[in-house]
Amino acid sequence: MPTAVLKNSIRRLRFENNMTQEELALRTGVSRQTVMSIERGQTNPSVLLALKIASALNSPVTEVFWMEGSLVPV
């Protein structure tokens, strides 16, 4: 059965921007725990939060988040 999984490059981009999880959390209005959970792939962000994270990391949203796998055919 095909499954799609949301992947991200938040950790790498944070390091490239010399930013801690706490700094990213403050810039996006969420807790450090939320950033950590998204970064680890345990939680999927809302569309708005994904856009805020990409903006805070000075990157296009498609560089920060992408889908691996495939959708279930209809």
N, C-alpha and C. Protein backbone atom coordinates (compact mmCIF):
# COMPACT_ATOMS: atom_id res chain seq x y z
N MET A 1 0.85 -1.19 0.00
CA MET A 1 0.00 0.00 0.00
C MET A 1 0.89 1.25 0.00
N PRO A 2 0.72 2.14 -0.99
CA PRO A 2 1.53 3.36 -1.05
C PRO A 2 1.19 4.31 0.10
N THR A 3 2.21 4.93 0.62
CA THR A 3 1.99 5.93 1.66
C THR A 3 2.87 7.14 1.40
N ALA A 4 2.32 8.31 1.71
CA ALA A 4 3.06 9.56 1.56
C ALA A 4 3.48 10.04 2.94
N VAL A 5 4.72 10.49 3.04
CA VAL A 5 5.27 10.98 4.30
C VAL A 5 5.86 12.36 4.07
N LEU A 6 5.57 13.29 4.97
CA LEU A 6 6.12 14.63 4.88
C LEU A 6 7.52 14.64 5.49
N LYS A 7 8.50 15.07 4.72
CA LYS A 7 9.89 15.18 5.18
C LYS A 7 10.25 16.66 5.26
N ASN A 8 11.33 16.97 6.00
CA ASN A 8 11.74 18.37 6.10
C ASN A 8 13.24 18.50 6.28
N SER A 9 13.73 19.71 6.02
CA SER A 9 15.15 20.02 6.18
C SER A 9 15.33 21.14 7.20
N ILE A 10 14.44 21.20 8.18
CA ILE A 10 14.47 22.28 9.17
C ILE A 10 15.80 22.30 9.92
N ARG A 11 16.24 21.15 10.39
CA ARG A 11 17.48 21.10 11.19
C ARG A 11 18.67 21.66 10.40
N ARG A 12 18.83 21.19 9.17
CA ARG A 12 19.95 21.66 8.34
C ARG A 12 19.86 23.16 8.09
N LEU A 13 18.66 23.62 7.75
CA LEU A 13 18.48 25.05 7.47
C LEU A 13 18.67 25.90 8.73
N ARG A 14 18.25 25.38 9.88
CA ARG A 14 18.48 26.11 11.13
C ARG A 14 19.97 26.31 11.36
N PHE A 15 20.75 25.23 11.17
CA PHE A 15 22.19 25.32 11.37
C PHE A 15 22.82 26.28 10.37
N GLU A 16 22.37 26.24 9.13
CA GLU A 16 22.90 27.16 8.12
C GLU A 16 22.60 28.62 8.46
N ASN A 17 21.49 28.85 9.18
CA ASN A 17 21.10 30.20 9.59
C ASN A 17 21.52 30.52 11.02
N ASN A 18 22.35 29.64 11.62
CA ASN A 18 22.81 29.82 13.01
C ASN A 18 21.63 30.11 13.95
N MET A 19 20.61 29.25 13.87
CA MET A 19 19.39 29.46 14.63
C MET A 19 19.11 28.25 15.51
N THR A 20 18.70 28.50 16.74
CA THR A 20 18.31 27.41 17.64
C THR A 20 16.83 27.09 17.44
N GLN A 21 16.41 25.97 18.00
CA GLN A 21 14.98 25.64 17.97
C GLN A 21 14.18 26.73 18.68
N GLU A 22 14.71 27.23 19.77
CA GLU A 22 14.02 28.29 20.52
C GLU A 22 13.85 29.55 19.68
N GLU A 23 14.89 29.95 18.95
CA GLU A 23 14.78 31.13 18.10
C GLU A 23 13.74 30.93 16.99
N LEU A 24 13.74 29.75 16.38
CA LEU A 24 12.76 29.46 15.34
C LEU A 24 11.35 29.47 15.93
N ALA A 25 11.20 28.92 17.12
CA ALA A 25 9.90 28.92 17.79
C ALA A 25 9.41 30.34 18.04
N LEU A 26 10.30 31.20 18.53
CA LEU A 26 9.92 32.59 18.80
C LEU A 26 9.52 33.31 17.53
N ARG A 27 10.23 33.06 16.43
CA ARG A 27 9.94 33.73 15.16
C ARG A 27 8.63 33.25 14.54
N THR A 28 8.21 32.04 14.86
CA THR A 28 7.01 31.48 14.25
C THR A 28 5.81 31.42 15.19
N GLY A 29 6.01 31.77 16.46
CA GLY A 29 4.90 31.83 17.40
C GLY A 29 4.44 30.49 17.94
N VAL A 30 5.34 29.52 17.99
CA VAL A 30 5.01 28.22 18.57
C VAL A 30 6.03 27.88 19.65
N SER A 31 5.84 26.76 20.34
CA SER A 31 6.77 26.36 21.38
C SER A 31 7.99 25.66 20.77
N ARG A 32 9.06 25.59 21.52
CA ARG A 32 10.26 24.87 21.09
C ARG A 32 9.92 23.40 20.89
N GLN A 33 9.04 22.86 21.73
CA GLN A 33 8.64 21.46 21.62
C GLN A 33 7.92 21.20 20.29
N THR A 34 7.13 22.17 19.83
CA THR A 34 6.45 22.02 18.54
C THR A 34 7.47 21.99 17.41
N VAL A 35 8.44 22.90 17.45
CA VAL A 35 9.50 22.92 16.44
C VAL A 35 10.23 21.58 16.44
N MET A 36 10.59 21.09 17.63
CA MET A 36 11.31 19.83 17.75
C MET A 36 10.48 18.68 17.16
N SER A 37 9.20 18.64 17.45
CA SER A 37 8.33 17.58 16.96
C SER A 37 8.20 17.60 15.44
N ILE A 38 8.08 18.78 14.87
CA ILE A 38 8.00 18.92 13.41
C ILE A 38 9.34 18.52 12.78
N GLU A 39 10.43 19.01 13.37
CA GLU A 39 11.77 18.73 12.86
C GLU A 39 12.03 17.22 12.82
N ARG A 40 11.57 16.51 13.82
CA ARG A 40 11.77 15.05 13.91
C ARG A 40 10.78 14.26 13.06
N GLY A 41 9.79 14.94 12.48
CA GLY A 41 8.80 14.26 11.65
C GLY A 41 7.70 13.60 12.43
N GLN A 42 7.57 13.94 13.72
CA GLN A 42 6.53 13.36 14.56
C GLN A 42 5.19 14.09 14.41
N THR A 43 5.25 15.34 13.96
CA THR A 43 4.05 16.17 13.79
C THR A 43 4.14 16.87 12.45
N ASN A 44 3.01 16.98 11.76
CA ASN A 44 2.94 17.74 10.52
C ASN A 44 2.40 19.13 10.83
N PRO A 45 3.06 20.17 10.31
CA PRO A 45 2.59 21.53 10.58
C PRO A 45 1.38 21.88 9.73
N SER A 46 0.64 22.88 10.17
CA SER A 46 -0.42 23.43 9.33
C SER A 46 0.25 24.12 8.15
N VAL A 47 -0.53 24.43 7.14
CA VAL A 47 0.01 25.13 5.97
C VAL A 47 0.57 26.48 6.40
N LEU A 48 -0.16 27.20 7.25
CA LEU A 48 0.31 28.50 7.71
C LEU A 48 1.62 28.39 8.47
N LEU A 49 1.73 27.41 9.36
CA LEU A 49 2.98 27.25 10.11
C LEU A 49 4.12 26.83 9.19
N ALA A 50 3.86 25.99 8.22
CA ALA A 50 4.90 25.61 7.26
C ALA A 50 5.43 26.84 6.52
N LEU A 51 4.52 27.73 6.13
CA LEU A 51 4.94 28.96 5.46
C LEU A 51 5.72 29.87 6.39
N LYS A 52 5.32 29.96 7.66
CA LYS A 52 6.05 30.78 8.63
C LYS A 52 7.45 30.23 8.86
N ILE A 53 7.57 28.91 8.97
CA ILE A 53 8.87 28.28 9.18
C ILE A 53 9.78 28.56 7.99
N ALA A 54 9.26 28.38 6.79
CA ALA A 54 10.05 28.64 5.58
C ALA A 54 10.51 30.09 5.54
N SER A 55 9.62 31.01 5.87
CA SER A 55 9.97 32.43 5.87
C SER A 55 11.06 32.72 6.90
N ALA A 56 10.92 32.16 8.10
CA ALA A 56 11.92 32.38 9.15
C ALA A 56 13.27 31.82 8.76
N LEU A 57 13.27 30.77 7.94
CA LEU A 57 14.52 30.14 7.50
C LEU A 57 15.01 30.71 6.17
N ASN A 58 14.33 31.75 5.66
CA ASN A 58 14.71 32.40 4.40
C ASN A 58 14.82 31.41 3.25
N SER A 59 13.85 30.50 3.18
CA SER A 59 13.87 29.45 2.15
C SER A 59 12.47 29.26 1.58
N PRO A 60 12.38 28.80 0.34
CA PRO A 60 11.07 28.45 -0.21
C PRO A 60 10.49 27.26 0.54
N VAL A 61 9.20 27.24 0.69
CA VAL A 61 8.54 26.17 1.46
C VAL A 61 8.87 24.80 0.85
N THR A 62 9.06 24.73 -0.45
CA THR A 62 9.38 23.45 -1.10
C THR A 62 10.81 22.98 -0.81
N GLU A 63 11.67 23.87 -0.33
CA GLU A 63 13.01 23.46 0.10
C GLU A 63 12.97 22.96 1.54
N VAL A 64 12.03 23.47 2.32
CA VAL A 64 11.91 23.08 3.73
C VAL A 64 11.12 21.79 3.88
N PHE A 65 10.04 21.65 3.11
CA PHE A 65 9.16 20.48 3.21
C PHE A 65 8.96 19.82 1.85
N TRP A 66 8.90 18.50 1.83
CA TRP A 66 8.60 17.76 0.62
C TRP A 66 7.96 16.43 1.01
N MET A 67 7.34 15.79 0.03
CA MET A 67 6.65 14.53 0.27
C MET A 67 7.45 13.39 -0.31
N GLU A 68 7.60 12.33 0.47
CA GLU A 68 8.21 11.10 -0.02
C GLU A 68 7.15 10.02 -0.05
N GLY A 69 7.23 9.16 -1.01
CA GLY A 69 6.22 8.12 -1.17
C GLY A 69 5.17 8.58 -2.16
N SER A 70 4.07 7.88 -2.17
CA SER A 70 3.02 8.23 -3.12
C SER A 70 1.65 8.19 -2.44
N LEU A 71 0.72 8.85 -3.08
CA LEU A 71 -0.64 8.87 -2.58
C LEU A 71 -1.37 7.59 -2.97
N VAL A 72 -2.39 7.26 -2.27
CA VAL A 72 -3.20 6.09 -2.58
C VAL A 72 -4.01 6.39 -3.84
N PRO A 73 -3.96 5.54 -4.85
CA PRO A 73 -4.72 5.80 -6.08
C PRO A 73 -6.22 5.73 -5.81
N VAL A 74 -6.96 6.54 -6.54
CA VAL A 74 -8.41 6.61 -6.36
C VAL A 74 -9.09 5.79 -7.43
